Structures are given as C-alpha cells and as structure tokens.
Amino acid sequence: MREKIINKATDMFLTLGFKSVTMDDLAHEMGISKKTIYTHFENKTKLVETCTIGLFDIISKGIDDICSLQKNPIEELYEIKKFAMMHLKDEKASPQYQLQKYYPKIHQSLRMKQFSLMQNCVIDNVKRGIEQGIYRQGLNIGFVARIYFSGVTSIKDHTLFPVAEFPVTELMDHYLEYHLRGIITPEGRKILNDIIQSNHE
C-alpha cells in the first residue's frame, strides 16, 4: 500500500502541484481513508519528501543509464532532456515552484542532490565532447557544468519564464541549443543542426 500511495501522490503532485494536492484529495482519488495514508506517512511533508526523493532516484538512475551508453555528447544531452521531461510530465503545474515556496528545506536538499548528479554527468559530457572535437578546446569545464546547471534550474522559475509565453518543452529545447551553440566546434554544429532538423520533422 505504501508504494501505491507514493506512486499516486507523485503523479498528482507533478500534475497538480505540491501545494494544490491535499491528503483528502489523495485519499479520495485512491478510494482509501486518510487514516490509511497517515499509517504510512506521519504528515504531508514526509509524503512530499518521500515522493521527491523517489522521483529523483528514478531520474538519476535513468540519467546514469543514458550516460553509460557513451553516446555522442550532443545526442546524450538531448536524450537526458527527453527522459527527464517524460518523468516530470513537462511540469505543467509548476511543481518545482510550489516545492520551493512551500517546502523550502526539501527543495534545497533536492537541489544539492541534482547539482551533484548533473556536475558529474555534464563534466564527463564536456570532456568527451572536447576529446571528440565537437566541443571547443580550452573550455573551463567546471564553469560550463555550473552555468549549465544554473540555467536548467533558472528556466523553471515561472516568474521569469511564464508558461503562457514559454511552454516548458520548447523552453528546454531553446536552452539546450543556446548552451550547446556556446561550446561546439563547426563539427559539433553539424550534429546539432541535424538533431534540431530531425526534431522539427
């Protein structure tokens, strides 16, 4: 039952937002009593924490799996983006914003985990891109990895990028292209243009 609660709650949090979903909503949706939920989670904060860590672990494993394939570094970033968006349901309900506003401790802890995961992945990605001649020589790899993480998290701020003006999937595509165009060589540009072309078809 605990797993079922986590799965349903995660789904609802991502679709409707962390603040918007109440324990009553969850109980009603699952056809169980609120008391049943409380036997597994002492309060909503604990449930939110469990769901976010669970989702992070799923995405983290998926990203590790993609990185282990040692694909072309440019393709790899697009694969990771596609995988993350699929699991985050395009973040239509701005769960990231609600998490930050109403559960700041959980948000901060999650952000540090994301940073650590992305640092390793992006540093490896940049190093391989340079070796393969598709990223420019002489890049400050630590800077590129941090600026990439900073951008990925900043574009989730809906006060800066209102969803009505910047749909999430398009925004992520724009950011990825913006990031890559700053670090690729002419050889890398051909690969990037091919990916963009095939995404538009």
C-alpha atoms as a PDB file:
ATOM      1  CA  MET A   1       0.000   0.000   0.000  1.00  0.00           C
ATOM      2  CA  ARG A   2       2.876   2.365   0.821  1.00  0.00           C
ATOM      3  CA  GLU A   3       4.211   2.053  -2.754  1.00  0.00           C
ATOM      4  CA  LYS A   4       0.754   2.664  -4.215  1.00  0.00           C
ATOM      5  CA  ILE A   5       0.388   5.827  -2.117  1.00  0.00           C
ATOM      6  CA  ILE A   6       3.828   7.077  -3.225  1.00  0.00           C
ATOM      7  CA  ASN A   7       3.092   6.391  -6.903  1.00  0.00           C
ATOM      8  CA  LYS A   8      -0.326   8.052  -6.874  1.00  0.00           C
ATOM      9  CA  ALA A   9       0.868  11.015  -4.782  1.00  0.00           C
ATOM     10  CA  THR A  10       3.886  11.592  -7.063  1.00  0.00           C
ATOM     11  CA  ASP A  11       1.620  11.527 -10.105  1.00  0.00           C
ATOM     12  CA  MET A  12      -0.818  14.015  -8.534  1.00  0.00           C
ATOM     13  CA  PHE A  13       1.931  16.322  -7.211  1.00  0.00           C
ATOM     14  CA  LEU A  14       3.503  16.569 -10.670  1.00  0.00           C
ATOM     15  CA  THR A  15       0.170  17.059 -12.428  1.00  0.00           C
ATOM     16  CA  LEU A  16      -1.454  19.476  -9.968  1.00  0.00           C
ATOM     17  CA  GLY A  17       1.379  20.846  -7.795  1.00  0.00           C
ATOM     18  CA  PHE A  18       2.695  20.048  -4.312  1.00  0.00           C
ATOM     19  CA  LYS A  19       0.590  22.679  -2.542  1.00  0.00           C
ATOM     20  CA  SER A  20      -2.582  22.059  -4.535  1.00  0.00           C
ATOM     21  CA  VAL A  21      -2.937  18.366  -3.623  1.00  0.00           C
ATOM     22  CA  THR A  22      -4.321  17.729  -0.124  1.00  0.00           C
ATOM     23  CA  MET A  23      -4.294  14.469   1.830  1.00  0.00           C
ATOM     24  CA  ASP A  24      -8.103  14.425   1.348  1.00  0.00           C
ATOM     25  CA  ASP A  25      -7.642  14.670  -2.437  1.00  0.00           C
ATOM     26  CA  LEU A  26      -5.185  11.789  -2.393  1.00  0.00           C
ATOM     27  CA  ALA A  27      -7.414   9.597  -0.189  1.00  0.00           C
ATOM     28  CA  HIS A  28     -10.440  10.329  -2.383  1.00  0.00           C
ATOM     29  CA  GLU A  29      -8.509   9.624  -5.598  1.00  0.00           C
ATOM     30  CA  MET A  30      -7.266   6.287  -4.224  1.00  0.00           C
ATOM     31  CA  GLY A  31     -10.574   5.288  -2.653  1.00  0.00           C
ATOM     32  CA  ILE A  32      -8.976   4.832   0.771  1.00  0.00           C
ATOM     33  CA  SER A  33      -9.305   6.618   4.113  1.00  0.00           C
ATOM     34  CA  LYS A  34      -6.988   9.429   5.118  1.00  0.00           C
ATOM     35  CA  LYS A  35      -6.133   7.352   8.193  1.00  0.00           C
ATOM     36  CA  THR A  36      -4.583   4.696   5.906  1.00  0.00           C
ATOM     37  CA  ILE A  37      -2.246   7.310   4.441  1.00  0.00           C
ATOM     38  CA  TYR A  38      -1.273   8.526   7.910  1.00  0.00           C
ATOM     39  CA  THR A  39      -0.321   4.993   8.999  1.00  0.00           C
ATOM     40  CA  HIS A  40       2.448   5.165   6.365  1.00  0.00           C
ATOM     41  CA  PHE A  41       3.315   8.898   6.490  1.00  0.00           C
ATOM     42  CA  GLU A  42       3.063  10.968   9.646  1.00  0.00           C
ATOM     43  CA  ASN A  43       2.280  14.148   7.689  1.00  0.00           C
ATOM     44  CA  LYS A  44       2.150  15.631   4.198  1.00  0.00           C
ATOM     45  CA  THR A  45       5.713  16.969   4.424  1.00  0.00           C
ATOM     46  CA  LYS A  46       7.025  13.416   4.920  1.00  0.00           C
ATOM     47  CA  LEU A  47       4.994  12.252   1.941  1.00  0.00           C
ATOM     48  CA  VAL A  48       6.312  15.099  -0.243  1.00  0.00           C
ATOM     49  CA  GLU A  49       9.869  14.308   0.839  1.00  0.00           C
ATOM     50  CA  THR A  50       9.484  10.580   0.058  1.00  0.00           C
ATOM     51  CA  CYS A  51       7.920  11.298  -3.342  1.00  0.00           C
ATOM     52  CA  THR A  52      10.588  13.802  -4.403  1.00  0.00           C
ATOM     53  CA  ILE A  53      13.461  11.537  -3.325  1.00  0.00           C
ATOM     54  CA  GLY A  54      11.823   8.590  -5.104  1.00  0.00           C
ATOM     55  CA  LEU A  55      11.403  10.593  -8.303  1.00  0.00           C
ATOM     56  CA  PHE A  56      14.966  11.889  -8.063  1.00  0.00           C
ATOM     57  CA  ASP A  57      16.261   8.308  -7.720  1.00  0.00           C
ATOM     58  CA  ILE A  58      14.308   7.172 -10.813  1.00  0.00           C
ATOM     59  CA  ILE A  59      15.571  10.106 -12.905  1.00  0.00           C
ATOM     60  CA  SER A  60      19.094   9.736 -11.506  1.00  0.00           C
ATOM     61  CA  LYS A  61      19.223   6.054 -12.485  1.00  0.00           C
ATOM     62  CA  GLY A  62      17.828   6.846 -15.941  1.00  0.00           C
ATOM     63  CA  ILE A  63      20.457   9.550 -16.494  1.00  0.00           C
ATOM     64  CA  ASP A  64      23.215   7.182 -15.323  1.00  0.00           C
ATOM     65  CA  ASP A  65      21.932   4.572 -17.787  1.00  0.00           C
ATOM     66  CA  ILE A  66      21.947   7.104 -20.647  1.00  0.00           C
ATOM     67  CA  CYS A  67      25.468   8.305 -19.727  1.00  0.00           C
ATOM     68  CA  SER A  68      26.754   4.720 -19.539  1.00  0.00           C
ATOM     69  CA  LEU A  69      25.873   4.271 -23.235  1.00  0.00           C
ATOM     70  CA  GLN A  70      28.682   6.763 -24.035  1.00  0.00           C
ATOM     71  CA  LYS A  71      26.688   8.243 -26.916  1.00  0.00           C
ATOM     72  CA  ASN A  72      27.756  11.246 -28.896  1.00  0.00           C
ATOM     73  CA  PRO A  73      27.818  14.004 -26.163  1.00  0.00           C
ATOM     74  CA  ILE A  74      25.385  16.284 -28.021  1.00  0.00           C
ATOM     75  CA  GLU A  75      22.871  13.469 -28.565  1.00  0.00           C
ATOM     76  CA  GLU A  76      23.352  12.444 -24.934  1.00  0.00           C
ATOM     77  CA  LEU A  77      22.140  15.836 -23.634  1.00  0.00           C
ATOM     78  CA  TYR A  78      19.024  15.615 -25.822  1.00  0.00           C
ATOM     79  CA  GLU A  79      18.342  12.050 -24.613  1.00  0.00           C
ATOM     80  CA  ILE A  80      18.655  13.169 -20.970  1.00  0.00           C
ATOM     81  CA  LYS A  81      16.331  16.105 -21.596  1.00  0.00           C
ATOM     82  CA  LYS A  82      13.731  13.842 -23.239  1.00  0.00           C
ATOM     83  CA  PHE A  83      13.930  11.305 -20.400  1.00  0.00           C
ATOM     84  CA  ALA A  84      13.636  13.929 -17.644  1.00  0.00           C
ATOM     85  CA  MET A  85      10.705  15.700 -19.337  1.00  0.00           C
ATOM     86  CA  MET A  86       8.849  12.407 -19.692  1.00  0.00           C
ATOM     87  CA  HIS A  87       9.140  11.718 -15.952  1.00  0.00           C
ATOM     88  CA  LEU A  88       8.394  15.285 -14.906  1.00  0.00           C
ATOM     89  CA  LYS A  89       5.246  15.431 -17.072  1.00  0.00           C
ATOM     90  CA  ASP A  90       6.512  18.648 -18.707  1.00  0.00           C
ATOM     91  CA  GLU A  91       5.989  20.320 -15.306  1.00  0.00           C
ATOM     92  CA  LYS A  92       2.718  21.939 -16.357  1.00  0.00           C
ATOM     93  CA  ALA A  93       1.644  22.601 -12.753  1.00  0.00           C
ATOM     94  CA  SER A  94       4.986  24.240 -11.865  1.00  0.00           C
ATOM     95  CA  PRO A  95       5.642  21.724  -9.059  1.00  0.00           C
ATOM     96  CA  GLN A  96       9.224  22.995  -8.788  1.00  0.00           C
ATOM     97  CA  TYR A  97       7.971  26.481  -7.905  1.00  0.00           C
ATOM     98  CA  GLN A  98       5.455  25.144  -5.358  1.00  0.00           C
ATOM     99  CA  LEU A  99       8.104  22.908  -3.819  1.00  0.00           C
ATOM    100  CA  GLN A 100      10.481  25.851  -3.451  1.00  0.00           C
ATOM    101  CA  LYS A 101       7.824  28.110  -1.961  1.00  0.00           C
ATOM    102  CA  TYR A 102       6.052  25.733   0.431  1.00  0.00           C
ATOM    103  CA  TYR A 103       8.728  23.112   1.183  1.00  0.00           C
ATOM    104  CA  PRO A 104      11.996  25.104   1.041  1.00  0.00           C
ATOM    105  CA  LYS A 105      14.074  22.589   3.053  1.00  0.00           C
ATOM    106  CA  ILE A 106      13.092  19.689   0.782  1.00  0.00           C
ATOM    107  CA  HIS A 107      13.698  21.875  -2.279  1.00  0.00           C
ATOM    108  CA  GLN A 108      17.175  22.878  -1.093  1.00  0.00           C
ATOM    109  CA  SER A 109      18.181  19.308  -0.267  1.00  0.00           C
ATOM    110  CA  LEU A 110      16.910  18.120  -3.661  1.00  0.00           C
ATOM    111  CA  ARG A 111      18.745  20.928  -5.433  1.00  0.00           C
ATOM    112  CA  MET A 112      22.061  19.834  -3.885  1.00  0.00           C
ATOM    113  CA  LYS A 113      21.430  16.230  -4.994  1.00  0.00           C
ATOM    114  CA  GLN A 114      20.579  17.439  -8.520  1.00  0.00           C
ATOM    115  CA  PHE A 115      23.696  19.599  -8.603  1.00  0.00           C
ATOM    116  CA  SER A 116      25.935  16.708  -7.596  1.00  0.00           C
ATOM    117  CA  LEU A 117      24.356  14.371 -10.180  1.00  0.00           C
ATOM    118  CA  MET A 118      24.474  16.907 -13.004  1.00  0.00           C
ATOM    119  CA  GLN A 119      28.011  18.030 -12.197  1.00  0.00           C
ATOM    120  CA  ASN A 120      29.389  14.536 -12.724  1.00  0.00           C
ATOM    121  CA  CYS A 121      27.314  13.931 -15.834  1.00  0.00           C
ATOM    122  CA  VAL A 122      27.979  17.305 -17.503  1.00  0.00           C
ATOM    123  CA  ILE A 123      31.706  17.353 -16.659  1.00  0.00           C
ATOM    124  CA  ASP A 124      32.047  13.915 -18.271  1.00  0.00           C
ATOM    125  CA  ASN A 125      29.949  15.090 -21.233  1.00  0.00           C
ATOM    126  CA  VAL A 126      32.121  18.177 -21.817  1.00  0.00           C
ATOM    127  CA  LYS A 127      35.385  16.245 -21.506  1.00  0.00           C
ATOM    128  CA  ARG A 128      34.245  13.674 -24.084  1.00  0.00           C
ATOM    129  CA  GLY A 129      32.956  16.411 -26.399  1.00  0.00           C
ATOM    130  CA  ILE A 130      36.363  18.112 -26.344  1.00  0.00           C
ATOM    131  CA  GLU A 131      38.163  14.809 -26.961  1.00  0.00           C
ATOM    132  CA  GLN A 132      35.882  14.066 -29.926  1.00  0.00           C
ATOM    133  CA  GLY A 133      36.443  17.518 -31.398  1.00  0.00           C
ATOM    134  CA  ILE A 134      32.775  18.560 -31.236  1.00  0.00           C
ATOM    135  CA  TYR A 135      33.235  20.933 -28.257  1.00  0.00           C
ATOM    136  CA  ARG A 136      35.840  23.706 -28.312  1.00  0.00           C
ATOM    137  CA  GLN A 137      39.315  23.199 -26.857  1.00  0.00           C
ATOM    138  CA  GLY A 138      40.239  25.313 -23.818  1.00  0.00           C
ATOM    139  CA  LEU A 139      36.757  25.403 -22.237  1.00  0.00           C
ATOM    140  CA  ASN A 140      36.664  25.924 -18.468  1.00  0.00           C
ATOM    141  CA  ILE A 141      34.865  22.637 -17.794  1.00  0.00           C
ATOM    142  CA  GLY A 142      33.866  23.445 -14.193  1.00  0.00           C
ATOM    143  CA  PHE A 143      32.368  26.760 -15.317  1.00  0.00           C
ATOM    144  CA  VAL A 144      30.457  25.173 -18.228  1.00  0.00           C
ATOM    145  CA  ALA A 145      29.000  22.473 -15.940  1.00  0.00           C
ATOM    146  CA  ARG A 146      27.899  25.025 -13.325  1.00  0.00           C
ATOM    147  CA  ILE A 147      26.452  27.501 -15.809  1.00  0.00           C
ATOM    148  CA  TYR A 148      24.510  24.656 -17.446  1.00  0.00           C
ATOM    149  CA  PHE A 149      23.019  23.606 -14.080  1.00  0.00           C
ATOM    150  CA  SER A 150      22.282  27.220 -13.197  1.00  0.00           C
ATOM    151  CA  GLY A 151      20.421  27.715 -16.486  1.00  0.00           C
ATOM    152  CA  VAL A 152      18.435  24.484 -16.245  1.00  0.00           C
ATOM    153  CA  THR A 153      17.192  25.440 -12.775  1.00  0.00           C
ATOM    154  CA  SER A 154      16.584  29.127 -13.611  1.00  0.00           C
ATOM    155  CA  ILE A 155      14.309  28.447 -16.581  1.00  0.00           C
ATOM    156  CA  LYS A 156      11.952  26.633 -14.170  1.00  0.00           C
ATOM    157  CA  ASP A 157      11.240  29.959 -12.469  1.00  0.00           C
ATOM    158  CA  HIS A 158       7.795  30.838 -13.831  1.00  0.00           C
ATOM    159  CA  THR A 159       8.075  34.444 -12.674  1.00  0.00           C
ATOM    160  CA  LEU A 160      10.954  34.818 -15.178  1.00  0.00           C
ATOM    161  CA  PHE A 161       9.544  32.470 -17.815  1.00  0.00           C
ATOM    162  CA  PRO A 162       5.720  32.459 -17.649  1.00  0.00           C
ATOM    163  CA  VAL A 163       4.374  29.190 -19.077  1.00  0.00           C
ATOM    164  CA  ALA A 164       1.845  31.002 -21.276  1.00  0.00           C
ATOM    165  CA  GLU A 165       4.725  32.742 -23.035  1.00  0.00           C
ATOM    166  CA  PHE A 166       7.353  29.991 -22.765  1.00  0.00           C
ATOM    167  CA  PRO A 167       5.919  26.439 -22.958  1.00  0.00           C
ATOM    168  CA  VAL A 168       8.180  24.155 -20.895  1.00  0.00           C
ATOM    169  CA  THR A 169       9.211  21.701 -23.635  1.00  0.00           C
ATOM    170  CA  GLU A 170      10.078  24.478 -26.094  1.00  0.00           C
ATOM    171  CA  LEU A 171      11.920  26.405 -23.391  1.00  0.00           C
ATOM    172  CA  MET A 172      14.110  23.412 -22.575  1.00  0.00           C
ATOM    173  CA  ASP A 173      14.893  22.949 -26.285  1.00  0.00           C
ATOM    174  CA  HIS A 174      15.797  26.632 -26.642  1.00  0.00           C
ATOM    175  CA  TYR A 175      18.040  26.476 -23.571  1.00  0.00           C
ATOM    176  CA  LEU A 176      19.819  23.325 -24.720  1.00  0.00           C
ATOM    177  CA  GLU A 177      20.500  24.820 -28.144  1.00  0.00           C
ATOM    178  CA  TYR A 178      21.682  28.071 -26.534  1.00  0.00           C
ATOM    179  CA  HIS A 179      24.050  26.133 -24.220  1.00  0.00           C
ATOM    180  CA  LEU A 180      25.465  23.952 -26.987  1.00  0.00           C
ATOM    181  CA  ARG A 181      25.994  26.749 -29.521  1.00  0.00           C
ATOM    182  CA  GLY A 182      28.308  28.389 -26.988  1.00  0.00           C
ATOM    183  CA  ILE A 183      30.626  25.389 -26.730  1.00  0.00           C
ATOM    184  CA  ILE A 184      30.513  23.474 -30.041  1.00  0.00           C
ATOM    185  CA  THR A 185      33.013  23.421 -32.899  1.00  0.00           C
ATOM    186  CA  PRO A 186      31.960  23.570 -36.602  1.00  0.00           C
ATOM    187  CA  GLU A 187      31.927  19.743 -36.481  1.00  0.00           C
ATOM    188  CA  GLY A 188      29.600  19.831 -33.471  1.00  0.00           C
ATOM    189  CA  ARG A 189      27.384  22.364 -35.219  1.00  0.00           C
ATOM    190  CA  LYS A 190      26.624  19.862 -37.981  1.00  0.00           C
ATOM    191  CA  ILE A 191      25.476  17.274 -35.393  1.00  0.00           C
ATOM    192  CA  LEU A 192      23.381  19.866 -33.525  1.00  0.00           C
ATOM    193  CA  ASN A 193      21.729  21.120 -36.719  1.00  0.00           C
ATOM    194  CA  ASP A 194      20.873  17.545 -37.724  1.00  0.00           C
ATOM    195  CA  ILE A 195      19.240  16.892 -34.316  1.00  0.00           C
ATOM    196  CA  ILE A 196      17.267  20.145 -34.459  1.00  0.00           C
ATOM    197  CA  GLN A 197      16.191  19.379 -38.031  1.00  0.00           C
ATOM    198  CA  SER A 198      15.007  15.864 -37.137  1.00  0.00           C
ATOM    199  CA  ASN A 199      13.131  17.194 -34.064  1.00  0.00           C
ATOM    200  CA  HIS A 200      11.217  19.592 -36.299  1.00  0.00           C
ATOM    201  CA  GLU A 201      10.197  16.940 -38.811  1.00  0.00           C
END
